[in-house]
Amino acid sequence: MHPTRTEAPVAAQPGALGSLKAYVGLTKPRIIELLLVTTFPAMFLAAGGFPPLALAAITFIGGTLSAASANVFNSVLDADIDEQMRRTRRRPMVRDQVSKRAAYTFGVVLGVISTLMLGFGANWLAAALSVTAILYYVFVYTVWLKRRTAQNIVWGGVAGCFPPLIGWTAITGSMSWPPLILFLIVFFWTPPHTWALGLRYREDYASVDVPMLPVVKDAPHVAQQILAYSVVTVLVSLALWPVTPTGWVYPVVAAVAGAWLIWESVALLNRARAGLRDAALKPMRLFHWSNSYLAIVFIAAAVDPLIF
């Protein structure tokens, strides 16, 4: 039996501090951190070194507010399933800490501020990409794809690929191959990263009828898909080297980190074929490493121009 609103585990926190924590919680700060990891390296790469400090600060704040806006809308729209899943039951909307009207207003304000900051502080191409990312995440992924298809995270994950494009265009005001390759790295990285989490919380997603791949397919099939996407991710990451003026740091780091990502994917597949399931499958090993992998590869892309 699923918990109901009256069974919420913890009452809303009173006072200004509790309200502040609730509004911050709506923005999902840990997701924002990961998005920013892919924004700044693109700026370093585009600038061929340190980007202008003021522009970097504007992009940082604008990008943070943009991602926060999208996450707030997602928090409201997914409140009904969040209250039934173990790992999301304590989110602010589930605990009635923020009203829907206040949350929607908060999301709109964040989106408008981020757009104006990026438009006037960087350029309107970066601002337009930011708005596109918000709309895509809210309407294409959250509203349309998430509850309808096992390919939800493949195509819905496109929204998370925009930060490197925004970072690059904030510097250059134009598009070219390097940011598109960075976009594709995140695109192919997202499914194995998310499916690993889905393997751990498969029952949660099944209980709310969200057809994540681990819900509709068995563990060996999911692990095979994770391995396939991981291999493509690594190959795409190495494609950045020929089209971008980098030295040896980036390709070496990308190759070593990629080899480890593939190694972990193969290990997951072997455990799945051995009949292990859920927590015993240890999918969170790959999930956590995939976070590190993305950060390492993008940081290498940022550091390389500083050396050569």
C-alpha atoms as a PDB file:
ATOM      1  CA  MET A   1       0.000   0.000   0.000  1.00  0.00           C
ATOM      2  CA  HIS A   2       1.406   3.354  -1.007  1.00  0.00           C
ATOM      3  CA  PRO A   3       1.693   6.164   1.548  1.00  0.00           C
ATOM      4  CA  THR A   4      -0.849   8.948   1.279  1.00  0.00           C
ATOM      5  CA  ARG A   5      -0.540  12.630   1.958  1.00  0.00           C
ATOM      6  CA  THR A   6      -1.716  12.099   5.551  1.00  0.00           C
ATOM      7  CA  GLU A   7       1.099   9.595   6.046  1.00  0.00           C
ATOM      8  CA  ALA A   8       3.889  12.061   5.182  1.00  0.00           C
ATOM      9  CA  PRO A   9       6.844  11.026   7.372  1.00  0.00           C
ATOM     10  CA  VAL A  10       7.833  14.461   8.623  1.00  0.00           C
ATOM     11  CA  ALA A  11       5.834  17.636   9.047  1.00  0.00           C
ATOM     12  CA  ALA A  12       6.858  20.824   7.287  1.00  0.00           C
ATOM     13  CA  GLN A  13       9.523  22.804   9.102  1.00  0.00           C
ATOM     14  CA  PRO A  14       8.212  26.060  10.613  1.00  0.00           C
ATOM     15  CA  GLY A  15       9.835  29.430  10.267  1.00  0.00           C
ATOM     16  CA  ALA A  16      11.973  31.217   7.708  1.00  0.00           C
ATOM     17  CA  LEU A  17      14.817  28.699   7.816  1.00  0.00           C
ATOM     18  CA  GLY A  18      12.477  25.805   7.116  1.00  0.00           C
ATOM     19  CA  SER A  19      10.891  27.677   4.213  1.00  0.00           C
ATOM     20  CA  LEU A  20      14.304  28.550   2.780  1.00  0.00           C
ATOM     21  CA  LYS A  21      15.403  24.914   2.954  1.00  0.00           C
ATOM     22  CA  ALA A  22      12.169  23.831   1.266  1.00  0.00           C
ATOM     23  CA  TYR A  23      12.602  26.251  -1.647  1.00  0.00           C
ATOM     24  CA  VAL A  24      16.240  25.246  -2.059  1.00  0.00           C
ATOM     25  CA  GLY A  25      15.167  21.601  -1.991  1.00  0.00           C
ATOM     26  CA  LEU A  26      12.792  22.228  -4.882  1.00  0.00           C
ATOM     27  CA  THR A  27      15.754  23.212  -7.060  1.00  0.00           C
ATOM     28  CA  LYS A  28      17.593  19.877  -6.510  1.00  0.00           C
ATOM     29  CA  PRO A  29      21.060  21.378  -5.849  1.00  0.00           C
ATOM     30  CA  ARG A  30      22.941  18.112  -6.396  1.00  0.00           C
ATOM     31  CA  ILE A  31      21.674  17.919  -9.974  1.00  0.00           C
ATOM     32  CA  ILE A  32      22.659  21.544 -10.548  1.00  0.00           C
ATOM     33  CA  GLU A  33      26.216  20.809  -9.381  1.00  0.00           C
ATOM     34  CA  LEU A  34      26.569  18.133 -12.049  1.00  0.00           C
ATOM     35  CA  LEU A  35      25.254  20.457 -14.760  1.00  0.00           C
ATOM     36  CA  LEU A  36      27.728  23.184 -13.820  1.00  0.00           C
ATOM     37  CA  VAL A  37      30.559  20.654 -14.089  1.00  0.00           C
ATOM     38  CA  THR A  38      29.850  20.523 -17.823  1.00  0.00           C
ATOM     39  CA  THR A  39      29.379  24.283 -18.254  1.00  0.00           C
ATOM     40  CA  PHE A  40      32.671  25.748 -17.086  1.00  0.00           C
ATOM     41  CA  PRO A  41      35.056  23.420 -18.917  1.00  0.00           C
ATOM     42  CA  ALA A  42      33.287  24.402 -22.135  1.00  0.00           C
ATOM     43  CA  MET A  43      33.985  28.040 -21.293  1.00  0.00           C
ATOM     44  CA  PHE A  44      37.680  27.335 -20.666  1.00  0.00           C
ATOM     45  CA  LEU A  45      37.878  25.392 -23.912  1.00  0.00           C
ATOM     46  CA  ALA A  46      36.151  28.164 -25.863  1.00  0.00           C
ATOM     47  CA  ALA A  47      38.386  30.850 -24.337  1.00  0.00           C
ATOM     48  CA  GLY A  48      41.568  28.807 -24.795  1.00  0.00           C
ATOM     49  CA  GLY A  49      42.321  29.452 -21.127  1.00  0.00           C
ATOM     50  CA  PHE A  50      40.691  31.387 -18.316  1.00  0.00           C
ATOM     51  CA  PRO A  51      37.403  32.991 -19.391  1.00  0.00           C
ATOM     52  CA  PRO A  52      36.681  36.601 -18.344  1.00  0.00           C
ATOM     53  CA  LEU A  53      35.805  36.551 -14.647  1.00  0.00           C
ATOM     54  CA  ALA A  54      32.669  38.692 -14.918  1.00  0.00           C
ATOM     55  CA  LEU A  55      31.310  36.622 -17.801  1.00  0.00           C
ATOM     56  CA  ALA A  56      32.081  33.390 -15.946  1.00  0.00           C
ATOM     57  CA  ALA A  57      30.237  34.684 -12.871  1.00  0.00           C
ATOM     58  CA  ILE A  58      27.188  35.707 -14.909  1.00  0.00           C
ATOM     59  CA  THR A  59      27.107  32.349 -16.677  1.00  0.00           C
ATOM     60  CA  PHE A  60      27.518  30.547 -13.353  1.00  0.00           C
ATOM     61  CA  ILE A  61      24.622  32.382 -11.719  1.00  0.00           C
ATOM     62  CA  GLY A  62      22.429  32.389 -14.818  1.00  0.00           C
ATOM     63  CA  GLY A  63      23.047  28.700 -15.467  1.00  0.00           C
ATOM     64  CA  THR A  64      22.343  27.843 -11.840  1.00  0.00           C
ATOM     65  CA  LEU A  65      19.036  29.717 -11.871  1.00  0.00           C
ATOM     66  CA  SER A  66      18.068  28.159 -15.215  1.00  0.00           C
ATOM     67  CA  ALA A  67      18.653  24.607 -13.967  1.00  0.00           C
ATOM     68  CA  ALA A  68      16.913  25.487 -10.695  1.00  0.00           C
ATOM     69  CA  SER A  69      13.860  26.711 -12.610  1.00  0.00           C
ATOM     70  CA  ALA A  70      13.559  23.476 -14.575  1.00  0.00           C
ATOM     71  CA  ASN A  71      13.982  21.395 -11.427  1.00  0.00           C
ATOM     72  CA  VAL A  72      11.301  23.345  -9.574  1.00  0.00           C
ATOM     73  CA  PHE A  73       8.746  22.637 -12.302  1.00  0.00           C
ATOM     74  CA  ASN A  74       9.809  18.989 -12.294  1.00  0.00           C
ATOM     75  CA  SER A  75       9.356  18.840  -8.509  1.00  0.00           C
ATOM     76  CA  VAL A  76       5.779  20.077  -8.797  1.00  0.00           C
ATOM     77  CA  LEU A  77       4.790  17.892 -11.742  1.00  0.00           C
ATOM     78  CA  ASP A  78       6.303  14.736 -10.236  1.00  0.00           C
ATOM     79  CA  ALA A  79       5.003  15.254  -6.680  1.00  0.00           C
ATOM     80  CA  ASP A  80       2.424  12.484  -7.087  1.00  0.00           C
ATOM     81  CA  ILE A  81       5.029   9.845  -7.858  1.00  0.00           C
ATOM     82  CA  ASP A  82       7.674  11.286  -5.538  1.00  0.00           C
ATOM     83  CA  GLU A  83       5.443  10.597  -2.531  1.00  0.00           C
ATOM     84  CA  GLN A  84       5.304   6.900  -3.431  1.00  0.00           C
ATOM     85  CA  MET A  85       9.035   6.326  -3.987  1.00  0.00           C
ATOM     86  CA  ARG A  86      11.369   5.601  -1.096  1.00  0.00           C
ATOM     87  CA  ARG A  87      14.198   7.861  -2.215  1.00  0.00           C
ATOM     88  CA  THR A  88      11.935  10.862  -2.925  1.00  0.00           C
ATOM     89  CA  ARG A  89       9.338  10.772  -0.113  1.00  0.00           C
ATOM     90  CA  ARG A  90      11.020  13.589   1.802  1.00  0.00           C
ATOM     91  CA  ARG A  91      11.013  16.139  -0.998  1.00  0.00           C
ATOM     92  CA  PRO A  92       9.364  19.506  -0.209  1.00  0.00           C
ATOM     93  CA  MET A  93       6.270  19.110  -2.413  1.00  0.00           C
ATOM     94  CA  VAL A  94       5.516  15.693  -0.916  1.00  0.00           C
ATOM     95  CA  ARG A  95       5.721  17.128   2.607  1.00  0.00           C
ATOM     96  CA  ASP A  96       3.484  20.088   1.706  1.00  0.00           C
ATOM     97  CA  GLN A  97       6.198  22.586   2.598  1.00  0.00           C
ATOM     98  CA  VAL A  98       5.488  24.724  -0.476  1.00  0.00           C
ATOM     99  CA  SER A  99       2.171  25.250  -2.239  1.00  0.00           C
ATOM    100  CA  LYS A 100       1.862  24.487  -5.946  1.00  0.00           C
ATOM    101  CA  ARG A 101       1.107  28.115  -6.746  1.00  0.00           C
ATOM    102  CA  ALA A 102       4.145  29.346  -4.827  1.00  0.00           C
ATOM    103  CA  ALA A 103       6.352  26.714  -6.440  1.00  0.00           C
ATOM    104  CA  TYR A 104       5.197  27.550  -9.963  1.00  0.00           C
ATOM    105  CA  THR A 105       5.750  31.249  -9.276  1.00  0.00           C
ATOM    106  CA  PHE A 106       9.215  30.475  -7.925  1.00  0.00           C
ATOM    107  CA  GLY A 107      10.064  28.460 -11.043  1.00  0.00           C
ATOM    108  CA  VAL A 108       8.889  31.220 -13.385  1.00  0.00           C
ATOM    109  CA  VAL A 109      10.827  33.910 -11.507  1.00  0.00           C
ATOM    110  CA  LEU A 110      14.012  31.840 -11.576  1.00  0.00           C
ATOM    111  CA  GLY A 111      13.587  31.217 -15.301  1.00  0.00           C
ATOM    112  CA  VAL A 112      12.978  34.873 -16.141  1.00  0.00           C
ATOM    113  CA  ILE A 113      15.940  36.080 -14.072  1.00  0.00           C
ATOM    114  CA  SER A 114      18.273  33.476 -15.592  1.00  0.00           C
ATOM    115  CA  THR A 115      17.194  34.402 -19.125  1.00  0.00           C
ATOM    116  CA  LEU A 116      17.719  38.117 -18.561  1.00  0.00           C
ATOM    117  CA  MET A 117      21.091  37.540 -16.899  1.00  0.00           C
ATOM    118  CA  LEU A 118      22.373  35.373 -19.727  1.00  0.00           C
ATOM    119  CA  GLY A 119      20.869  37.578 -22.419  1.00  0.00           C
ATOM    120  CA  PHE A 120      22.222  40.904 -21.190  1.00  0.00           C
ATOM    121  CA  GLY A 121      25.315  39.559 -19.425  1.00  0.00           C
ATOM    122  CA  ALA A 122      26.500  37.082 -22.066  1.00  0.00           C
ATOM    123  CA  ASN A 123      24.462  36.976 -25.276  1.00  0.00           C
ATOM    124  CA  TRP A 124      20.987  36.065 -26.425  1.00  0.00           C
ATOM    125  CA  LEU A 125      22.079  32.810 -28.069  1.00  0.00           C
ATOM    126  CA  ALA A 126      23.164  31.503 -24.665  1.00  0.00           C
ATOM    127  CA  ALA A 127      19.895  32.774 -23.185  1.00  0.00           C
ATOM    128  CA  ALA A 128      17.848  31.071 -25.914  1.00  0.00           C
ATOM    129  CA  LEU A 129      19.627  27.774 -25.316  1.00  0.00           C
ATOM    130  CA  SER A 130      18.898  28.116 -21.612  1.00  0.00           C
ATOM    131  CA  VAL A 131      15.189  28.671 -22.215  1.00  0.00           C
ATOM    132  CA  THR A 132      15.114  25.735 -24.638  1.00  0.00           C
ATOM    133  CA  ALA A 133      16.667  23.494 -21.990  1.00  0.00           C
ATOM    134  CA  ILE A 134      14.039  24.493 -19.416  1.00  0.00           C
ATOM    135  CA  LEU A 135      11.138  23.943 -21.802  1.00  0.00           C
ATOM    136  CA  TYR A 136      12.560  20.635 -23.032  1.00  0.00           C
ATOM    137  CA  TYR A 137      13.076  19.279 -19.510  1.00  0.00           C
ATOM    138  CA  VAL A 138       9.620  20.307 -18.348  1.00  0.00           C
ATOM    139  CA  PHE A 139       7.428  19.544 -21.341  1.00  0.00           C
ATOM    140  CA  VAL A 140       9.296  16.934 -23.377  1.00  0.00           C
ATOM    141  CA  TYR A 141      10.848  14.879 -20.578  1.00  0.00           C
ATOM    142  CA  THR A 142       8.686  15.398 -17.479  1.00  0.00           C
ATOM    143  CA  VAL A 143       5.256  15.797 -19.081  1.00  0.00           C
ATOM    144  CA  TRP A 144       5.550  13.698 -22.233  1.00  0.00           C
ATOM    145  CA  LEU A 145       8.285  11.049 -22.110  1.00  0.00           C
ATOM    146  CA  LYS A 146       8.935  10.076 -18.499  1.00  0.00           C
ATOM    147  CA  ARG A 147       5.726   8.135 -17.904  1.00  0.00           C
ATOM    148  CA  ARG A 148       5.209   6.861 -21.429  1.00  0.00           C
ATOM    149  CA  THR A 149       8.307   5.138 -22.795  1.00  0.00           C
ATOM    150  CA  ALA A 150      11.359   3.168 -21.705  1.00  0.00           C
ATOM    151  CA  GLN A 151      13.355   5.530 -23.912  1.00  0.00           C
ATOM    152  CA  ASN A 152      12.396   8.396 -21.604  1.00  0.00           C
ATOM    153  CA  ILE A 153      15.876   9.067 -20.304  1.00  0.00           C
ATOM    154  CA  VAL A 154      17.554   8.633 -23.703  1.00  0.00           C
ATOM    155  CA  TRP A 155      15.664  11.465 -25.361  1.00  0.00           C
ATOM    156  CA  GLY A 156      14.563  13.264 -22.221  1.00  0.00           C
ATOM    157  CA  GLY A 157      18.191  13.479 -21.159  1.00  0.00           C
ATOM    158  CA  VAL A 158      18.834  15.938 -23.993  1.00  0.00           C
ATOM    159  CA  ALA A 159      17.894  18.728 -21.570  1.00  0.00           C
ATOM    160  CA  GLY A 160      20.961  17.937 -19.483  1.00  0.00           C
ATOM    161  CA  CYS A 161      23.203  18.257 -22.530  1.00  0.00           C
ATOM    162  CA  PHE A 162      22.641  22.002 -22.966  1.00  0.00           C
ATOM    163  CA  PRO A 163      25.074  23.353 -20.311  1.00  0.00           C
ATOM    164  CA  PRO A 164      28.230  22.890 -22.438  1.00  0.00           C
ATOM    165  CA  LEU A 165      26.471  24.595 -25.344  1.00  0.00           C
ATOM    166  CA  ILE A 166      25.518  27.486 -23.064  1.00  0.00           C
ATOM    167  CA  GLY A 167      29.043  27.733 -21.674  1.00  0.00           C
ATOM    168  CA  TRP A 168      30.603  27.754 -25.147  1.00  0.00           C
ATOM    169  CA  THR A 169      28.178  30.248 -26.677  1.00  0.00           C
ATOM    170  CA  ALA A 170      28.498  32.549 -23.652  1.00  0.00           C
ATOM    171  CA  ILE A 171      32.142  32.985 -24.695  1.00  0.00           C
ATOM    172  CA  THR A 172      31.961  32.832 -28.481  1.00  0.00           C
ATOM    173  CA  GLY A 173      28.407  33.843 -29.337  1.00  0.00           C
ATOM    174  CA  SER A 174      28.345  31.056 -31.922  1.00  0.00           C
ATOM    175  CA  MET A 175      28.188  27.297 -32.345  1.00  0.00           C
ATOM    176  CA  SER A 176      30.861  24.905 -33.639  1.00  0.00           C
ATOM    177  CA  TRP A 177      31.945  21.267 -33.436  1.00  0.00           C
ATOM    178  CA  PRO A 178      33.660  21.196 -30.012  1.00  0.00           C
ATOM    179  CA  PRO A 179      30.528  22.124 -27.997  1.00  0.00           C
ATOM    180  CA  LEU A 180      28.456  19.705 -30.075  1.00  0.00           C
ATOM    181  CA  ILE A 181      30.860  16.905 -29.163  1.00  0.00           C
ATOM    182  CA  LEU A 182      30.621  17.911 -25.498  1.00  0.00           C
ATOM    183  CA  PHE A 183      26.835  17.815 -25.946  1.00  0.00           C
ATOM    184  CA  LEU A 184      27.068  14.280 -27.327  1.00  0.00           C
ATOM    185  CA  ILE A 185      29.322  13.121 -24.489  1.00  0.00           C
ATOM    186  CA  VAL A 186      26.618  14.054 -21.998  1.00  0.00           C
ATOM    187  CA  PHE A 187      23.893  12.623 -24.263  1.00  0.00           C
ATOM    188  CA  PHE A 188      25.441   9.150 -24.438  1.00  0.00           C
ATOM    189  CA  TRP A 189      26.599   9.263 -20.803  1.00  0.00           C
ATOM    190  CA  THR A 190      23.122   9.979 -19.402  1.00  0.00           C
ATOM    191  CA  PRO A 191      21.419   6.602 -20.083  1.00  0.00           C
ATOM    192  CA  PRO A 192      24.017   4.345 -18.400  1.00  0.00           C
ATOM    193  CA  HIS A 193      24.254   6.788 -15.492  1.00  0.00           C
ATOM    194  CA  THR A 194      20.478   6.849 -14.982  1.00  0.00           C
ATOM    195  CA  TRP A 195      19.846   3.181 -15.738  1.00  0.00           C
ATOM    196  CA  ALA A 196      22.373   2.224 -13.051  1.00  0.00           C
ATOM    197  CA  LEU A 197      20.271   4.196 -10.566  1.00  0.00           C
ATOM    198  CA  GLY A 198      17.161   2.602 -12.037  1.00  0.00           C
ATOM    199  CA  LEU A 199      18.547  -0.874 -11.403  1.00  0.00           C
ATOM    200  CA  ARG A 200      18.967  -0.025  -7.718  1.00  0.00           C
ATOM    201  CA  TYR A 201      15.491   1.511  -7.370  1.00  0.00           C
ATOM    202  CA  ARG A 202      13.683  -0.665  -9.905  1.00  0.00           C
ATOM    203  CA  GLU A 203      10.845  -1.466  -7.517  1.00  0.00           C
ATOM    204  CA  ASP A 204      10.287   2.218  -6.816  1.00  0.00           C
ATOM    205  CA  TYR A 205       9.842   3.044 -10.485  1.00  0.00           C
ATOM    206  CA  ALA A 206       7.668  -0.021 -11.027  1.00  0.00           C
ATOM    207  CA  SER A 207       5.407   0.957  -8.123  1.00  0.00           C
ATOM    208  CA  VAL A 208       4.535   4.268  -9.799  1.00  0.00           C
ATOM    209  CA  ASP A 209       4.304   2.859 -13.348  1.00  0.00           C
ATOM    210  CA  VAL A 210       7.284   4.800 -14.690  1.00  0.00           C
ATOM    211  CA  PRO A 211       8.596   2.557 -17.493  1.00  0.00           C
ATOM    212  CA  MET A 212      12.309   3.008 -16.923  1.00  0.00           C
ATOM    213  CA  LEU A 213      14.325   0.434 -18.857  1.00  0.00           C
ATOM    214  CA  PRO A 214      15.176  -1.568 -15.682  1.00  0.00           C
ATOM    215  CA  VAL A 215      11.426  -1.901 -15.057  1.00  0.00           C
ATOM    216  CA  VAL A 216      10.482  -3.281 -18.468  1.00  0.00           C
ATOM    217  CA  LYS A 217      13.640  -5.318 -19.187  1.00  0.00           C
ATOM    218  CA  ASP A 218      15.670  -7.761 -17.119  1.00  0.00           C
ATOM    219  CA  ALA A 219      18.997  -6.843 -15.527  1.00  0.00           C
ATOM    220  CA  PRO A 220      21.249  -8.527 -18.147  1.00  0.00           C
ATOM    221  CA  HIS A 221      19.538  -6.621 -20.961  1.00  0.00           C
ATOM    222  CA  VAL A 222      19.853  -3.325 -19.089  1.00  0.00           C
ATOM    223  CA  ALA A 223      23.511  -4.014 -18.310  1.00  0.00           C
ATOM    224  CA  GLN A 224      24.166  -4.743 -21.993  1.00  0.00           C
ATOM    225  CA  GLN A 225      22.635  -1.391 -22.918  1.00  0.00           C
ATOM    226  CA  ILE A 226      24.696   0.324 -20.228  1.00  0.00           C
ATOM    227  CA  LEU A 227      27.861  -1.208 -21.639  1.00  0.00           C
ATOM    228  CA  ALA A 228      26.951  -0.220 -25.207  1.00  0.00           C
ATOM    229  CA  TYR A 229      26.239   3.391 -24.276  1.00  0.00           C
ATOM    230  CA  SER A 230      29.381   3.546 -22.138  1.00  0.00           C
ATOM    231  CA  VAL A 231      31.539   2.444 -25.074  1.00  0.00           C
ATOM    232  CA  VAL A 232      29.945   5.050 -27.340  1.00  0.00           C
ATOM    233  CA  THR A 233      30.423   7.700 -24.639  1.00  0.00           C
ATOM    234  CA  VAL A 234      34.138   6.970 -24.473  1.00  0.00           C
ATOM    235  CA  LEU A 235      34.528   6.976 -28.256  1.00  0.00           C
ATOM    236  CA  VAL A 236      32.708  10.292 -28.552  1.00  0.00           C
ATOM    237  CA  SER A 237      34.853  11.791 -25.771  1.00  0.00           C
ATOM    238  CA  LEU A 238      37.995  10.864 -27.717  1.00  0.00           C
ATOM    239  CA  ALA A 239      36.566  12.535 -30.834  1.00  0.00           C
ATOM    240  CA  LEU A 240      36.993  15.896 -29.108  1.00  0.00           C
ATOM    241  CA  TRP A 241      40.775  15.633 -29.445  1.00  0.00           C
ATOM    242  CA  PRO A 242      41.035  15.791 -33.275  1.00  0.00           C
ATOM    243  CA  VAL A 243      38.636  18.731 -33.618  1.00  0.00           C
ATOM    244  CA  THR A 244      39.921  20.843 -30.715  1.00  0.00           C
ATOM    245  CA  PRO A 245      43.422  22.253 -30.264  1.00  0.00           C
ATOM    246  CA  THR A 246      44.374  20.260 -27.157  1.00  0.00           C
ATOM    247  CA  GLY A 247      47.623  18.727 -25.998  1.00  0.00           C
ATOM    248  CA  TRP A 248      48.125  15.256 -24.572  1.00  0.00           C
ATOM    249  CA  VAL A 249      46.419  15.790 -21.195  1.00  0.00           C
ATOM    250  CA  TYR A 250      42.841  15.544 -22.422  1.00  0.00           C
ATOM    251  CA  PRO A 251      43.129  12.437 -24.633  1.00  0.00           C
ATOM    252  CA  VAL A 252      45.156  10.554 -22.009  1.00  0.00           C
ATOM    253  CA  VAL A 253      42.760  11.390 -19.177  1.00  0.00           C
ATOM    254  CA  ALA A 254      39.697  10.684 -21.343  1.00  0.00           C
ATOM    255  CA  ALA A 255      41.132   7.317 -22.413  1.00  0.00           C
ATOM    256  CA  VAL A 256      42.051   6.200 -18.880  1.00  0.00           C
ATOM    257  CA  ALA A 257      38.775   7.359 -17.336  1.00  0.00           C
ATOM    258  CA  GLY A 258      36.873   5.825 -20.232  1.00  0.00           C
ATOM    259  CA  ALA A 259      38.628   2.487 -19.815  1.00  0.00           C
ATOM    260  CA  TRP A 260      37.571   2.444 -16.175  1.00  0.00           C
ATOM    261  CA  LEU A 261      33.955   3.309 -17.105  1.00  0.00           C
ATOM    262  CA  ILE A 262      33.887   0.403 -19.544  1.00  0.00           C
ATOM    263  CA  TRP A 263      35.512  -1.876 -16.951  1.00  0.00           C
ATOM    264  CA  GLU A 264      32.797  -1.063 -14.418  1.00  0.00           C
ATOM    265  CA  SER A 265      30.112  -1.585 -17.075  1.00  0.00           C
ATOM    266  CA  VAL A 266      31.505  -5.016 -17.926  1.00  0.00           C
ATOM    267  CA  ALA A 267      31.647  -5.897 -14.216  1.00  0.00           C
ATOM    268  CA  LEU A 268      27.986  -4.884 -13.858  1.00  0.00           C
ATOM    269  CA  LEU A 269      27.052  -7.025 -16.850  1.00  0.00           C
ATOM    270  CA  ASN A 270      28.888 -10.032 -15.379  1.00  0.00           C
ATOM    271  CA  ARG A 271      27.058  -9.633 -12.065  1.00  0.00           C
ATOM    272  CA  ALA A 272      23.733  -9.367 -13.901  1.00  0.00           C
ATOM    273  CA  ARG A 273      24.446 -12.525 -15.908  1.00  0.00           C
ATOM    274  CA  ALA A 274      25.327 -14.283 -12.660  1.00  0.00           C
ATOM    275  CA  GLY A 275      21.766 -13.684 -11.481  1.00  0.00           C
ATOM    276  CA  LEU A 276      22.371 -10.859  -9.004  1.00  0.00           C
ATOM    277  CA  ARG A 277      19.583  -8.303  -8.678  1.00  0.00           C
ATOM    278  CA  ASP A 278      18.795  -4.959  -7.074  1.00  0.00           C
ATOM    279  CA  ALA A 279      21.251  -4.001  -4.275  1.00  0.00           C
ATOM    280  CA  ALA A 280      23.244  -7.231  -4.719  1.00  0.00           C
ATOM    281  CA  LEU A 281      23.913  -6.182  -8.313  1.00  0.00           C
ATOM    282  CA  LYS A 282      25.871  -3.182  -6.956  1.00  0.00           C
ATOM    283  CA  PRO A 283      24.681  -0.803  -9.665  1.00  0.00           C
ATOM    284  CA  MET A 284      25.490   2.192  -7.464  1.00  0.00           C
ATOM    285  CA  ARG A 285      29.193   1.499  -8.021  1.00  0.00           C
ATOM    286  CA  LEU A 286      28.717   2.371 -11.668  1.00  0.00           C
ATOM    287  CA  PHE A 287      26.350   5.225 -10.831  1.00  0.00           C
ATOM    288  CA  HIS A 288      28.868   6.942  -8.564  1.00  0.00           C
ATOM    289  CA  TRP A 289      31.788   6.276 -10.888  1.00  0.00           C
ATOM    290  CA  SER A 290      29.878   7.652 -13.841  1.00  0.00           C
ATOM    291  CA  ASN A 291      29.514  10.939 -11.917  1.00  0.00           C
ATOM    292  CA  SER A 292      33.262  10.995 -11.358  1.00  0.00           C
ATOM    293  CA  TYR A 293      33.930  10.041 -14.972  1.00  0.00           C
ATOM    294  CA  LEU A 294      31.972  12.985 -16.362  1.00  0.00           C
ATOM    295  CA  ALA A 295      33.655  15.417 -13.989  1.00  0.00           C
ATOM    296  CA  ILE A 296      37.147  14.074 -14.777  1.00  0.00           C
ATOM    297  CA  VAL A 297      36.678  14.233 -18.549  1.00  0.00           C
ATOM    298  CA  PHE A 298      35.267  17.760 -18.529  1.00  0.00           C
ATOM    299  CA  ILE A 299      37.855  19.032 -16.060  1.00  0.00           C
ATOM    300  CA  ALA A 300      40.562  17.586 -18.316  1.00  0.00           C
ATOM    301  CA  ALA A 301      39.046  19.514 -21.218  1.00  0.00           C
ATOM    302  CA  ALA A 302      39.232  22.692 -19.108  1.00  0.00           C
ATOM    303  CA  VAL A 303      42.781  22.127 -17.821  1.00  0.00           C
ATOM    304  CA  ASP A 304      44.342  21.172 -21.138  1.00  0.00           C
ATOM    305  CA  PRO A 305      44.172  24.712 -22.661  1.00  0.00           C
ATOM    306  CA  LEU A 306      45.868  26.068 -19.537  1.00  0.00           C
ATOM    307  CA  ILE A 307      48.868  23.805 -20.098  1.00  0.00           C
ATOM    308  CA  PHE A 308      49.266  24.014 -23.865  1.00  0.00           C
END
